[in-house]
C-alpha atoms as a PDB file:
ATOM      1  CA  UNK A   1     121.792  99.877  80.263  1.00  0.00           C
ATOM      2  CA  UNK A   2     119.475 101.064  82.853  1.00  0.00           C
ATOM      3  CA  UNK A   3     122.246 102.786  85.021  1.00  0.00           C
ATOM      4  CA  UNK A   4     123.085 104.842  81.945  1.00  0.00           C
ATOM      5  CA  UNK A   5     119.865 106.832  81.894  1.00  0.00           C
ATOM      6  CA  UNK A   6     120.253 110.576  82.219  1.00  0.00           C
ATOM      7  CA  UNK A   7     119.504 112.263  85.362  1.00  0.00           C
ATOM      8  CA  UNK A   8     116.452 114.009  84.267  1.00  0.00           C
ATOM      9  CA  UNK A   9     115.165 110.927  82.453  1.00  0.00           C
ATOM     10  CA  UNK A  10     115.404 109.014  85.752  1.00  0.00           C
ATOM     11  CA  UNK A  11     113.750 111.860  87.841  1.00  0.00           C
ATOM     12  CA  UNK A  12     110.814 112.126  85.368  1.00  0.00           C
ATOM     13  CA  UNK A  13     110.279 108.502  85.201  1.00  0.00           C
ATOM     14  CA  UNK A  14     110.555 107.291  88.898  1.00  0.00           C
ATOM     15  CA  UNK A  15     107.108 106.022  89.574  1.00  0.00           C
ATOM     16  CA  UNK A  16     106.066 104.388  92.908  1.00  0.00           C
ATOM     17  CA  UNK A  17     106.362 100.706  91.884  1.00  0.00           C
ATOM     18  CA  UNK A  18     104.447  98.845  94.471  1.00  0.00           C
ATOM     19  CA  UNK A  19     103.926  95.452  92.696  1.00  0.00           C
ATOM     20  CA  UNK A  20     107.137  93.556  92.889  1.00  0.00           C
ATOM     21  CA  UNK A  21     108.394  90.191  91.859  1.00  0.00           C
ATOM     22  CA  UNK A  22     109.710  87.844  94.727  1.00  0.00           C
ATOM     23  CA  UNK A  23     112.894  87.394  92.803  1.00  0.00           C
ATOM     24  CA  UNK A  24     116.024  88.203  94.840  1.00  0.00           C
ATOM     25  CA  UNK A  25     117.995  91.256  94.416  1.00  0.00           C
ATOM     26  CA  UNK A  26     121.940  90.525  94.456  1.00  0.00           C
ATOM     27  CA  UNK A  27     123.600  91.844  97.561  1.00  0.00           C
ATOM     28  CA  UNK A  28     126.122  94.002  95.582  1.00  0.00           C
ATOM     29  CA  UNK A  29     123.168  95.727  93.921  1.00  0.00           C
ATOM     30  CA  UNK A  30     121.729  96.551  97.386  1.00  0.00           C
ATOM     31  CA  UNK A  31     125.164  97.745  98.587  1.00  0.00           C
ATOM     32  CA  UNK A  32     125.402 100.150  95.711  1.00  0.00           C
ATOM     33  CA  UNK A  33     121.761 101.245  96.301  1.00  0.00           C
ATOM     34  CA  UNK A  34     122.569 102.209  99.956  1.00  0.00           C
ATOM     35  CA  UNK A  35     125.927 103.749  98.729  1.00  0.00           C
ATOM     36  CA  UNK A  36     124.019 106.052  96.473  1.00  0.00           C
ATOM     37  CA  UNK A  37     121.521 106.943  99.233  1.00  0.00           C
ATOM     38  CA  UNK A  38     124.442 107.934 101.486  1.00  0.00           C
ATOM     39  CA  UNK A  39     125.752 110.549  99.008  1.00  0.00           C
ATOM     40  CA  UNK A  40     122.651 112.731  99.899  1.00  0.00           C
ATOM     41  CA  UNK A  41     123.343 115.926 102.066  1.00  0.00           C
ATOM     42  CA  UNK A  42     122.662 115.847 105.803  1.00  0.00           C
ATOM     43  CA  UNK A  43     122.292 118.522 108.399  1.00  0.00           C
ATOM     44  CA  UNK A  44     125.801 119.866 109.552  1.00  0.00           C
ATOM     45  CA  UNK A  45     127.201 116.904 107.656  1.00  0.00           C
ATOM     46  CA  UNK A  46     126.394 114.684 110.507  1.00  0.00           C
ATOM     47  CA  UNK A  47     125.884 111.633 108.167  1.00  0.00           C
ATOM     48  CA  UNK A  48     123.503 110.114 110.638  1.00  0.00           C
ATOM     49  CA  UNK A  49     121.493 107.982 108.100  1.00  0.00           C
ATOM     50  CA  UNK A  50     121.432 104.348 108.731  1.00  0.00           C
ATOM     51  CA  UNK A  51     119.717 101.748 106.712  1.00  0.00           C
ATOM     52  CA  UNK A  52     118.038  98.327 107.896  1.00  0.00           C
ATOM     53  CA  UNK A  53     118.183  96.148 104.780  1.00  0.00           C
ATOM     54  CA  UNK A  54     115.739  93.328 105.506  1.00  0.00           C
ATOM     55  CA  UNK A  55     115.791  90.034 103.720  1.00  0.00           C
ATOM     56  CA  UNK A  56     114.719  87.594 106.540  1.00  0.00           C
ATOM     57  CA  UNK A  57     111.090  86.132 106.000  1.00  0.00           C
ATOM     58  CA  UNK A  58     110.293  86.348 109.569  1.00  0.00           C
ATOM     59  CA  UNK A  59     111.040  89.965 109.803  1.00  0.00           C
ATOM     60  CA  UNK A  60     109.207  90.862 106.720  1.00  0.00           C
ATOM     61  CA  UNK A  61     106.334  89.058 107.861  1.00  0.00           C
ATOM     62  CA  UNK A  62     106.179  91.112 111.110  1.00  0.00           C
ATOM     63  CA  UNK A  63     106.486  94.445 109.293  1.00  0.00           C
ATOM     64  CA  UNK A  64     103.797  93.172 106.821  1.00  0.00           C
ATOM     65  CA  UNK A  65     101.244  92.742 109.664  1.00  0.00           C
ATOM     66  CA  UNK A  66     102.057  96.241 110.996  1.00  0.00           C
ATOM     67  CA  UNK A  67     101.826  97.696 107.649  1.00  0.00           C
ATOM     68  CA  UNK A  68      98.565  95.973 106.779  1.00  0.00           C
ATOM     69  CA  UNK A  69      96.876  97.297 109.897  1.00  0.00           C
ATOM     70  CA  UNK A  70      97.793 100.911 108.956  1.00  0.00           C
ATOM     71  CA  UNK A  71      96.897 100.483 105.339  1.00  0.00           C
ATOM     72  CA  UNK A  72      93.392  99.151 106.265  1.00  0.00           C
ATOM     73  CA  UNK A  73      92.863 102.226 108.517  1.00  0.00           C
ATOM     74  CA  UNK A  74      94.164 104.509 105.769  1.00  0.00           C
ATOM     75  CA  UNK A  75      91.831 103.103 103.028  1.00  0.00           C
ATOM     76  CA  UNK A  76      88.888 102.810 105.240  1.00  0.00           C
ATOM     77  CA  UNK A  77      86.062 105.490 104.993  1.00  0.00           C
ATOM     78  CA  UNK A  78      87.299 107.127 108.204  1.00  0.00           C
ATOM     79  CA  UNK A  79      91.037 107.085 107.082  1.00  0.00           C
ATOM     80  CA  UNK A  80      93.143 109.414 104.805  1.00  0.00           C
ATOM     81  CA  UNK A  81      92.497 107.357 101.579  1.00  0.00           C
ATOM     82  CA  UNK A  82      89.820 109.733 100.097  1.00  0.00           C
ATOM     83  CA  UNK A  83      87.677 108.281  97.507  1.00  0.00           C
ATOM     84  CA  UNK A  84      87.215 111.610  95.929  1.00  0.00           C
ATOM     85  CA  UNK A  85      89.008 112.362  92.564  1.00  0.00           C
ATOM     86  CA  UNK A  86      91.401 115.164  92.682  1.00  0.00           C
ATOM     87  CA  UNK A  87      91.869 117.845  89.995  1.00  0.00           C
ATOM     88  CA  UNK A  88      95.037 116.259  88.966  1.00  0.00           C
ATOM     89  CA  UNK A  89      94.011 112.697  89.291  1.00  0.00           C
ATOM     90  CA  UNK A  90      90.903 111.254  87.857  1.00  0.00           C
ATOM     91  CA  UNK A  91      88.825 108.719  89.656  1.00  0.00           C
ATOM     92  CA  UNK A  92      90.205 105.818  87.715  1.00  0.00           C
ATOM     93  CA  UNK A  93      93.842 106.663  88.265  1.00  0.00           C
ATOM     94  CA  UNK A  94      93.043 107.257  91.952  1.00  0.00           C
ATOM     95  CA  UNK A  95      91.329 103.762  92.044  1.00  0.00           C
ATOM     96  CA  UNK A  96      94.322 102.132  90.456  1.00  0.00           C
ATOM     97  CA  UNK A  97      96.678 103.735  93.015  1.00  0.00           C
ATOM     98  CA  UNK A  98      94.552 102.588  96.066  1.00  0.00           C
ATOM     99  CA  UNK A  99      94.528  99.193  94.486  1.00  0.00           C
ATOM    100  CA  UNK A 100      98.208  99.263  94.210  1.00  0.00           C
ATOM    101  CA  UNK A 101      98.636 100.246  97.892  1.00  0.00           C
ATOM    102  CA  UNK A 102      96.303  97.358  98.755  1.00  0.00           C
ATOM    103  CA  UNK A 103      98.244  94.953  96.633  1.00  0.00           C
ATOM    104  CA  UNK A 104     101.480  96.047  98.354  1.00  0.00           C
ATOM    105  CA  UNK A 105      99.960  95.603 101.696  1.00  0.00           C
ATOM    106  CA  UNK A 106      98.806  92.009 100.806  1.00  0.00           C
ATOM    107  CA  UNK A 107     102.088  91.008  99.463  1.00  0.00           C
ATOM    108  CA  UNK A 108     104.613  92.931 101.491  1.00  0.00           C
ATOM    109  CA  UNK A 109     106.241  89.963 103.021  1.00  0.00           C
ATOM    110  CA  UNK A 110     106.743  88.514  99.549  1.00  0.00           C
ATOM    111  CA  UNK A 111     108.875  91.613  98.575  1.00  0.00           C
ATOM    112  CA  UNK A 112     112.653  90.411  98.270  1.00  0.00           C
ATOM    113  CA  UNK A 113     113.857  93.251 100.327  1.00  0.00           C
ATOM    114  CA  UNK A 114     112.504  95.918 102.634  1.00  0.00           C
ATOM    115  CA  UNK A 115     114.812  98.983 103.446  1.00  0.00           C
ATOM    116  CA  UNK A 116     114.188 100.918 106.598  1.00  0.00           C
ATOM    117  CA  UNK A 117     115.445 104.480 106.518  1.00  0.00           C
ATOM    118  CA  UNK A 118     116.821 105.485 109.925  1.00  0.00           C
ATOM    119  CA  UNK A 119     118.622 108.218 111.738  1.00  0.00           C
ATOM    120  CA  UNK A 120     120.864 108.037 114.808  1.00  0.00           C
ATOM    121  CA  UNK A 121     121.621 110.498 117.451  1.00  0.00           C
ATOM    122  CA  UNK A 122     124.115 110.730 120.236  1.00  0.00           C
ATOM    123  CA  UNK A 123     121.353 110.976 122.887  1.00  0.00           C
ATOM    124  CA  UNK A 124     117.998 109.013 123.202  1.00  0.00           C
ATOM    125  CA  UNK A 125     115.322 110.547 120.936  1.00  0.00           C
ATOM    126  CA  UNK A 126     111.958 111.529 122.499  1.00  0.00           C
ATOM    127  CA  UNK A 127     109.023 110.578 120.510  1.00  0.00           C
ATOM    128  CA  UNK A 128     108.026 114.171 119.703  1.00  0.00           C
ATOM    129  CA  UNK A 129     111.594 115.191 118.694  1.00  0.00           C
ATOM    130  CA  UNK A 130     112.222 112.815 115.858  1.00  0.00           C
ATOM    131  CA  UNK A 131     110.734 115.023 113.146  1.00  0.00           C
ATOM    132  CA  UNK A 132     113.467 117.569 113.276  1.00  0.00           C
ATOM    133  CA  UNK A 133     115.911 114.713 112.016  1.00  0.00           C
ATOM    134  CA  UNK A 134     113.593 114.065 108.913  1.00  0.00           C
ATOM    135  CA  UNK A 135     115.320 116.692 106.721  1.00  0.00           C
ATOM    136  CA  UNK A 136     118.693 114.510 107.197  1.00  0.00           C
ATOM    137  CA  UNK A 137     116.802 111.343 106.115  1.00  0.00           C
ATOM    138  CA  UNK A 138     114.501 112.020 103.107  1.00  0.00           C
ATOM    139  CA  UNK A 139     117.127 113.349 100.753  1.00  0.00           C
ATOM    140  CA  UNK A 140     118.735 109.986 101.072  1.00  0.00           C
ATOM    141  CA  UNK A 141     115.486 108.252 100.443  1.00  0.00           C
ATOM    142  CA  UNK A 142     115.144 110.170  97.284  1.00  0.00           C
ATOM    143  CA  UNK A 143     118.656 109.136  96.283  1.00  0.00           C
ATOM    144  CA  UNK A 144     117.804 105.570  96.967  1.00  0.00           C
ATOM    145  CA  UNK A 145     114.582 105.737  94.887  1.00  0.00           C
ATOM    146  CA  UNK A 146     116.331 107.379  92.004  1.00  0.00           C
ATOM    147  CA  UNK A 147     119.121 104.951  92.102  1.00  0.00           C
ATOM    148  CA  UNK A 148     116.667 101.918  92.232  1.00  0.00           C
ATOM    149  CA  UNK A 149     114.980 103.382  89.129  1.00  0.00           C
ATOM    150  CA  UNK A 150     118.430 103.716  87.282  1.00  0.00           C
ATOM    151  CA  UNK A 151     119.329 100.119  88.082  1.00  0.00           C
ATOM    152  CA  UNK A 152     115.930  98.904  87.039  1.00  0.00           C
ATOM    153  CA  UNK A 153     114.484  98.203  90.383  1.00  0.00           C
ATOM    154  CA  UNK A 154     111.092  99.067  91.648  1.00  0.00           C
ATOM    155  CA  UNK A 155     110.662 100.961  94.915  1.00  0.00           C
ATOM    156  CA  UNK A 156     107.903 102.869  96.862  1.00  0.00           C
ATOM    157  CA  UNK A 157     108.235 104.957  99.932  1.00  0.00           C
ATOM    158  CA  UNK A 158     105.663 104.477 102.701  1.00  0.00           C
ATOM    159  CA  UNK A 159     105.618 105.424 106.272  1.00  0.00           C
ATOM    160  CA  UNK A 160     102.277 103.623 107.007  1.00  0.00           C
ATOM    161  CA  UNK A 161     104.124 100.449 108.261  1.00  0.00           C
ATOM    162  CA  UNK A 162     105.868 102.500 110.983  1.00  0.00           C
ATOM    163  CA  UNK A 163     102.765 104.204 112.197  1.00  0.00           C
ATOM    164  CA  UNK A 164     102.896 102.140 115.330  1.00  0.00           C
ATOM    165  CA  UNK A 165     106.179 103.421 116.491  1.00  0.00           C
ATOM    166  CA  UNK A 166     106.840 101.402 119.509  1.00  0.00           C
ATOM    167  CA  UNK A 167     105.848  98.186 117.722  1.00  0.00           C
ATOM    168  CA  UNK A 168     108.055  98.905 114.828  1.00  0.00           C
ATOM    169  CA  UNK A 169     110.865  99.744 117.024  1.00  0.00           C
ATOM    170  CA  UNK A 170     110.447  96.441 118.744  1.00  0.00           C
ATOM    171  CA  UNK A 171     110.466  94.491 115.496  1.00  0.00           C
ATOM    172  CA  UNK A 172     113.418  96.458 114.160  1.00  0.00           C
ATOM    173  CA  UNK A 173     115.375  96.240 117.520  1.00  0.00           C
ATOM    174  CA  UNK A 174     116.077 100.083 117.410  1.00  0.00           C
ATOM    175  CA  UNK A 175     117.978 101.331 120.266  1.00  0.00           C
ATOM    176  CA  UNK A 176     116.717 104.597 121.895  1.00  0.00           C
ATOM    177  CA  UNK A 177     119.295 106.638 119.973  1.00  0.00           C
ATOM    178  CA  UNK A 178     117.852 105.571 116.556  1.00  0.00           C
ATOM    179  CA  UNK A 179     114.808 106.295 114.737  1.00  0.00           C
ATOM    180  CA  UNK A 180     112.910 104.846 111.653  1.00  0.00           C
ATOM    181  CA  UNK A 181     111.451 107.299 109.094  1.00  0.00           C
ATOM    182  CA  UNK A 182     110.507 105.342 105.927  1.00  0.00           C
ATOM    183  CA  UNK A 183     109.796 101.742 104.787  1.00  0.00           C
ATOM    184  CA  UNK A 184     110.742 101.166 101.312  1.00  0.00           C
ATOM    185  CA  UNK A 185     109.957  97.678  99.680  1.00  0.00           C
ATOM    186  CA  UNK A 186     112.548  97.116  96.860  1.00  0.00           C
ATOM    187  CA  UNK A 187     112.672  94.567  93.960  1.00  0.00           C
ATOM    188  CA  UNK A 188     112.077  93.864  90.309  1.00  0.00           C
ATOM    189  CA  UNK A 189     108.770  95.411  89.181  1.00  0.00           C
ATOM    190  CA  UNK A 190     105.919  93.291  87.704  1.00  0.00           C
ATOM    191  CA  UNK A 191     104.854  96.248  85.565  1.00  0.00           C
ATOM    192  CA  UNK A 192     106.632  98.708  83.297  1.00  0.00           C
ATOM    193  CA  UNK A 193     108.496 101.922  84.260  1.00  0.00           C
ATOM    194  CA  UNK A 194     106.849 105.263  82.833  1.00  0.00           C
ATOM    195  CA  UNK A 195     106.582 108.808  83.271  1.00  0.00           C
ATOM    196  CA  UNK A 196     105.187 110.260  86.439  1.00  0.00           C
ATOM    197  CA  UNK A 197     102.092 112.465  86.318  1.00  0.00           C
ATOM    198  CA  UNK A 198     102.576 115.746  87.990  1.00  0.00           C
ATOM    199  CA  UNK A 199     100.863 119.297  88.132  1.00  0.00           C
ATOM    200  CA  UNK A 200     102.244 121.577  85.280  1.00  0.00           C
ATOM    201  CA  UNK A 201     105.066 123.538  86.825  1.00  0.00           C
ATOM    202  CA  UNK A 202     103.237 126.835  86.006  1.00  0.00           C
ATOM    203  CA  UNK A 203     100.530 125.900  88.526  1.00  0.00           C
ATOM    204  CA  UNK A 204     103.354 125.446  91.388  1.00  0.00           C
ATOM    205  CA  UNK A 205     105.643 127.996  90.995  1.00  0.00           C
ATOM    206  CA  UNK A 206     105.685 131.685  92.558  1.00  0.00           C
ATOM    207  CA  UNK A 207     108.204 134.274  91.658  1.00  0.00           C
ATOM    208  CA  UNK A 208     109.684 136.594  94.558  1.00  0.00           C
ATOM    209  CA  UNK A 209     106.567 136.162  96.773  1.00  0.00           C
ATOM    210  CA  UNK A 210     103.229 134.252  96.984  1.00  0.00           C
END
């Protein structure tokens, strides 16, 4: 069974799966997914992570519109979606990645579930202070992605759909004591799982000092 995959097998085979089927994901599976995300460590063990699990069609459509605006800007000539190949990613692979990003933007409202990773605070969160909370959110996001892979679900982390902070806050109904950090479409993938492509570890590790 998928959830019997070994830890390292899951870690080395958790691709960003952006093309998802519209098939619904059972609620008990979603609860298990969030429960796994909550096992991640948080700063001072505050356990301030909160999750908005969106299945409502109207809500998904609103987020899809915000995401589409940001993706179009990202993939434009003036955005961050560089057309140049990278030393570790050929032009063909880069084009396929960008096509998948565009597909996700075009079909985001059709994803069965969109999970929003949030954090809460006791006090209102100023716009410039939210970043310090990220370290207590992204470990949980990674747990969610790994758990999704183990259960045969596709998922992909993106922040583009939250680029317009105030618009996203309004759609999500966030109080001023909460902040959204990641948008994660979840569903059963149309493609096949496979190994990720990463730089050789020898090129990324330094011993004792740079």
